[in-house]
Amino acid sequence: MKRLLDNRWLVLGCRLALGAVFVYASWDKVQHPAAFAKQVYNYQILPIIASNLFAMTLPWIELFAGVALIVGVLKSESSLLLSVLLVVFIGAISVNLYRGVNLDCGCFSTAEGGGRTIGLHTVAEDVGLLLAGLVVLRAAMLERRQAA
């Protein structure tokens, strides 16, 4: 397993894929902040003021962290930040699945009715992205330790 995790091609693939997914995910949200704020509020986890603040900042965090991963700068910080966000997303989706709430995930599109409905598939996708983020984080931390 360690040998697999040390494979530079795996790490590069995870880094580029994770970065690309988050840049793509941020694009529509950056262009339509009010629509995304409505989607965040629909999760019924945060109060409206916090939902709006989250909706205004999240897309930019996704965009900058994704670009940083693609470019190859701030790898440990970006992969840690995106991994934490993925844990939050997994939690928010899981809570609403438990509640039986049927809503658009807001993952890639802010279009009303044009998004994807949350489900176990959404959780599984986020877990896969989380694993990719942890692969990148591990490699970046090892790289940093070796450089020190």
C-alpha atoms as a PDB file:
ATOM      1  CA  MET A   1       0.000   0.000   0.000  1.00  0.00           C
ATOM      2  CA  LYS A   2       2.803   2.412   0.888  1.00  0.00           C
ATOM      3  CA  ARG A   3       4.403   1.760  -2.475  1.00  0.00           C
ATOM      4  CA  LEU A   4       1.145   2.623  -4.232  1.00  0.00           C
ATOM      5  CA  LEU A   5       0.743   5.842  -2.230  1.00  0.00           C
ATOM      6  CA  ASP A   6       4.310   6.844  -3.103  1.00  0.00           C
ATOM      7  CA  ASN A   7       3.674   6.486  -6.841  1.00  0.00           C
ATOM      8  CA  ARG A   8       4.300   9.958  -8.263  1.00  0.00           C
ATOM      9  CA  TRP A   9       1.892   9.357 -11.163  1.00  0.00           C
ATOM     10  CA  LEU A  10      -0.921   8.476  -8.777  1.00  0.00           C
ATOM     11  CA  VAL A  11      -0.204  11.580  -6.712  1.00  0.00           C
ATOM     12  CA  LEU A  12      -0.045  13.769  -9.834  1.00  0.00           C
ATOM     13  CA  GLY A  13      -3.287  12.298 -11.160  1.00  0.00           C
ATOM     14  CA  CYS A  14      -5.047  12.831  -7.835  1.00  0.00           C
ATOM     15  CA  ARG A  15      -3.718  16.386  -7.579  1.00  0.00           C
ATOM     16  CA  LEU A  16      -4.767  17.362 -11.101  1.00  0.00           C
ATOM     17  CA  ALA A  17      -8.144  15.605 -10.901  1.00  0.00           C
ATOM     18  CA  LEU A  18      -8.991  17.112  -7.518  1.00  0.00           C
ATOM     19  CA  GLY A  19      -7.926  20.566  -8.688  1.00  0.00           C
ATOM     20  CA  ALA A  20      -9.924  20.279 -11.909  1.00  0.00           C
ATOM     21  CA  VAL A  21     -13.065  19.074 -10.126  1.00  0.00           C
ATOM     22  CA  PHE A  22     -12.985  21.995  -7.713  1.00  0.00           C
ATOM     23  CA  VAL A  23     -12.239  24.603 -10.387  1.00  0.00           C
ATOM     24  CA  TYR A  24     -15.145  23.239 -12.425  1.00  0.00           C
ATOM     25  CA  ALA A  25     -17.386  23.103  -9.340  1.00  0.00           C
ATOM     26  CA  SER A  26     -16.629  26.717  -8.466  1.00  0.00           C
ATOM     27  CA  TRP A  27     -17.270  28.223 -11.865  1.00  0.00           C
ATOM     28  CA  ASP A  28     -21.082  28.383 -11.910  1.00  0.00           C
ATOM     29  CA  LYS A  29     -21.229  29.292  -8.208  1.00  0.00           C
ATOM     30  CA  VAL A  30     -18.910  32.279  -8.727  1.00  0.00           C
ATOM     31  CA  GLN A  31     -21.122  33.507 -11.572  1.00  0.00           C
ATOM     32  CA  HIS A  32     -24.425  33.018  -9.700  1.00  0.00           C
ATOM     33  CA  PRO A  33     -23.849  33.690  -5.986  1.00  0.00           C
ATOM     34  CA  ALA A  34     -27.513  34.362  -5.142  1.00  0.00           C
ATOM     35  CA  ALA A  35     -28.660  31.081  -6.664  1.00  0.00           C
ATOM     36  CA  PHE A  36     -25.898  29.224  -4.839  1.00  0.00           C
ATOM     37  CA  ALA A  37     -26.835  30.939  -1.560  1.00  0.00           C
ATOM     38  CA  LYS A  38     -30.360  29.587  -2.004  1.00  0.00           C
ATOM     39  CA  GLN A  39     -28.977  26.065  -2.510  1.00  0.00           C
ATOM     40  CA  VAL A  40     -26.811  26.355   0.601  1.00  0.00           C
ATOM     41  CA  TYR A  41     -29.800  27.581   2.608  1.00  0.00           C
ATOM     42  CA  ASN A  42     -31.893  24.627   1.369  1.00  0.00           C
ATOM     43  CA  TYR A  43     -29.607  22.280   3.308  1.00  0.00           C
ATOM     44  CA  GLN A  44     -31.143  23.814   6.478  1.00  0.00           C
ATOM     45  CA  ILE A  45     -27.919  23.437   8.467  1.00  0.00           C
ATOM     46  CA  LEU A  46     -26.726  27.035   8.737  1.00  0.00           C
ATOM     47  CA  PRO A  47     -28.718  30.142   9.667  1.00  0.00           C
ATOM     48  CA  ILE A  48     -29.465  32.409   6.698  1.00  0.00           C
ATOM     49  CA  ILE A  49     -26.640  34.883   7.441  1.00  0.00           C
ATOM     50  CA  ALA A  50     -24.086  32.082   7.713  1.00  0.00           C
ATOM     51  CA  SER A  51     -25.540  30.450   4.585  1.00  0.00           C
ATOM     52  CA  ASN A  52     -24.998  33.660   2.647  1.00  0.00           C
ATOM     53  CA  LEU A  53     -21.455  34.103   3.939  1.00  0.00           C
ATOM     54  CA  PHE A  54     -20.643  30.460   3.167  1.00  0.00           C
ATOM     55  CA  ALA A  55     -22.146  30.799  -0.323  1.00  0.00           C
ATOM     56  CA  MET A  56     -20.124  33.939  -1.034  1.00  0.00           C
ATOM     57  CA  THR A  57     -16.778  32.546   0.106  1.00  0.00           C
ATOM     58  CA  LEU A  58     -16.934  28.829  -0.730  1.00  0.00           C
ATOM     59  CA  PRO A  59     -16.730  29.145  -4.534  1.00  0.00           C
ATOM     60  CA  TRP A  60     -13.659  31.362  -4.310  1.00  0.00           C
ATOM     61  CA  ILE A  61     -11.974  28.956  -1.891  1.00  0.00           C
ATOM     62  CA  GLU A  62     -12.756  26.077  -4.256  1.00  0.00           C
ATOM     63  CA  LEU A  63     -11.428  28.053  -7.223  1.00  0.00           C
ATOM     64  CA  PHE A  64      -8.165  29.196  -5.637  1.00  0.00           C
ATOM     65  CA  ALA A  65      -7.403  25.866  -3.960  1.00  0.00           C
ATOM     66  CA  GLY A  66      -8.194  24.002  -7.190  1.00  0.00           C
ATOM     67  CA  VAL A  67      -5.957  26.272  -9.260  1.00  0.00           C
ATOM     68  CA  ALA A  68      -3.178  25.941  -6.667  1.00  0.00           C
ATOM     69  CA  LEU A  69      -3.328  22.151  -6.949  1.00  0.00           C
ATOM     70  CA  ILE A  70      -3.278  22.251 -10.740  1.00  0.00           C
ATOM     71  CA  VAL A  71      -0.331  24.653 -10.769  1.00  0.00           C
ATOM     72  CA  GLY A  72       1.423  22.713  -8.012  1.00  0.00           C
ATOM     73  CA  VAL A  73       1.771  25.426  -5.376  1.00  0.00           C
ATOM     74  CA  LEU A  74       0.547  25.306  -1.774  1.00  0.00           C
ATOM     75  CA  LYS A  75      -0.190  21.617  -2.260  1.00  0.00           C
ATOM     76  CA  SER A  76      -0.436  20.664   1.406  1.00  0.00           C
ATOM     77  CA  GLU A  77      -2.545  23.701   2.319  1.00  0.00           C
ATOM     78  CA  SER A  78      -4.872  23.317  -0.661  1.00  0.00           C
ATOM     79  CA  SER A  79      -5.324  19.573  -0.300  1.00  0.00           C
ATOM     80  CA  LEU A  80      -5.965  19.950   3.447  1.00  0.00           C
ATOM     81  CA  LEU A  81      -8.496  22.720   2.859  1.00  0.00           C
ATOM     82  CA  LEU A  82     -10.336  20.789   0.143  1.00  0.00           C
ATOM     83  CA  SER A  83     -10.281  17.611   2.240  1.00  0.00           C
ATOM     84  CA  VAL A  84     -11.863  19.460   5.159  1.00  0.00           C
ATOM     85  CA  LEU A  85     -14.491  20.892   2.812  1.00  0.00           C
ATOM     86  CA  LEU A  86     -15.229  17.399   1.517  1.00  0.00           C
ATOM     87  CA  VAL A  87     -15.775  16.164   5.076  1.00  0.00           C
ATOM     88  CA  VAL A  88     -18.206  19.065   5.586  1.00  0.00           C
ATOM     89  CA  PHE A  89     -19.987  18.223   2.309  1.00  0.00           C
ATOM     90  CA  ILE A  90     -20.239  14.551   3.257  1.00  0.00           C
ATOM     91  CA  GLY A  91     -21.695  15.527   6.625  1.00  0.00           C
ATOM     92  CA  ALA A  92     -24.211  17.986   5.162  1.00  0.00           C
ATOM     93  CA  ILE A  93     -25.391  15.533   2.526  1.00  0.00           C
ATOM     94  CA  SER A  94     -25.587  12.681   5.039  1.00  0.00           C
ATOM     95  CA  VAL A  95     -27.648  14.761   7.488  1.00  0.00           C
ATOM     96  CA  ASN A  96     -30.140  15.615   4.770  1.00  0.00           C
ATOM     97  CA  LEU A  97     -30.303  12.028   3.520  1.00  0.00           C
ATOM     98  CA  TYR A  98     -31.051  10.964   7.104  1.00  0.00           C
ATOM     99  CA  ARG A  99     -33.748  13.636   7.326  1.00  0.00           C
ATOM    100  CA  GLY A 100     -35.233  12.380   4.058  1.00  0.00           C
ATOM    101  CA  VAL A 101     -34.794  15.765   2.377  1.00  0.00           C
ATOM    102  CA  ASN A 102     -34.713  15.681  -1.413  1.00  0.00           C
ATOM    103  CA  LEU A 103     -32.630  18.574  -2.773  1.00  0.00           C
ATOM    104  CA  ASP A 104     -30.146  19.569  -5.446  1.00  0.00           C
ATOM    105  CA  CYS A 105     -26.625  19.114  -4.182  1.00  0.00           C
ATOM    106  CA  GLY A 106     -25.382  22.447  -5.551  1.00  0.00           C
ATOM    107  CA  CYS A 107     -22.152  20.697  -6.453  1.00  0.00           C
ATOM    108  CA  PHE A 108     -21.650  21.851 -10.028  1.00  0.00           C
ATOM    109  CA  SER A 109     -24.682  23.883 -11.070  1.00  0.00           C
ATOM    110  CA  THR A 110     -26.821  26.562  -9.504  1.00  0.00           C
ATOM    111  CA  ALA A 111     -29.621  26.145 -12.050  1.00  0.00           C
ATOM    112  CA  GLU A 112     -32.896  25.432 -10.290  1.00  0.00           C
ATOM    113  CA  GLY A 113     -33.891  21.885 -11.080  1.00  0.00           C
ATOM    114  CA  GLY A 114     -30.789  21.510 -13.262  1.00  0.00           C
ATOM    115  CA  GLY A 115     -28.535  20.165 -10.567  1.00  0.00           C
ATOM    116  CA  ARG A 116     -28.100  16.676  -9.250  1.00  0.00           C
ATOM    117  CA  THR A 117     -30.245  15.352  -6.449  1.00  0.00           C
ATOM    118  CA  ILE A 118     -28.303  14.257  -3.382  1.00  0.00           C
ATOM    119  CA  GLY A 119     -28.039  10.560  -2.664  1.00  0.00           C
ATOM    120  CA  LEU A 120     -25.637   7.852  -1.627  1.00  0.00           C
ATOM    121  CA  HIS A 121     -23.927   8.310  -4.988  1.00  0.00           C
ATOM    122  CA  THR A 122     -23.102  11.908  -3.993  1.00  0.00           C
ATOM    123  CA  VAL A 123     -21.611  10.730  -0.706  1.00  0.00           C
ATOM    124  CA  ALA A 124     -19.593   8.049  -2.542  1.00  0.00           C
ATOM    125  CA  GLU A 125     -18.254  10.612  -5.032  1.00  0.00           C
ATOM    126  CA  ASP A 126     -17.216  12.928  -2.201  1.00  0.00           C
ATOM    127  CA  VAL A 127     -15.541  10.056  -0.346  1.00  0.00           C
ATOM    128  CA  GLY A 128     -13.580   9.270  -3.516  1.00  0.00           C
ATOM    129  CA  LEU A 129     -12.517  12.900  -3.812  1.00  0.00           C
ATOM    130  CA  LEU A 130     -11.607  12.905  -0.128  1.00  0.00           C
ATOM    131  CA  LEU A 131      -9.356   9.887  -0.654  1.00  0.00           C
ATOM    132  CA  ALA A 132      -7.672  11.690  -3.560  1.00  0.00           C
ATOM    133  CA  GLY A 133      -7.209  14.746  -1.347  1.00  0.00           C
ATOM    134  CA  LEU A 134      -5.633  12.652   1.381  1.00  0.00           C
ATOM    135  CA  VAL A 135      -3.245  11.044  -1.119  1.00  0.00           C
ATOM    136  CA  VAL A 136      -2.142  14.512  -2.238  1.00  0.00           C
ATOM    137  CA  LEU A 137      -1.903  15.778   1.347  1.00  0.00           C
ATOM    138  CA  ARG A 138       0.238  12.818   2.411  1.00  0.00           C
ATOM    139  CA  ALA A 139       2.601  13.277  -0.538  1.00  0.00           C
ATOM    140  CA  ALA A 140       2.848  17.043   0.001  1.00  0.00           C
ATOM    141  CA  MET A 141       3.647  16.608   3.685  1.00  0.00           C
ATOM    142  CA  LEU A 142       6.307  13.989   2.925  1.00  0.00           C
ATOM    143  CA  GLU A 143       7.767  16.302   0.292  1.00  0.00           C
ATOM    144  CA  ARG A 144       7.843  19.174   2.764  1.00  0.00           C
ATOM    145  CA  ARG A 145       9.466  16.993   5.432  1.00  0.00           C
ATOM    146  CA  GLN A 146      12.165  15.813   3.004  1.00  0.00           C
ATOM    147  CA  ALA A 147      12.901  19.395   1.967  1.00  0.00           C
ATOM    148  CA  ALA A 148      13.380  20.513   5.583  1.00  0.00           C
END
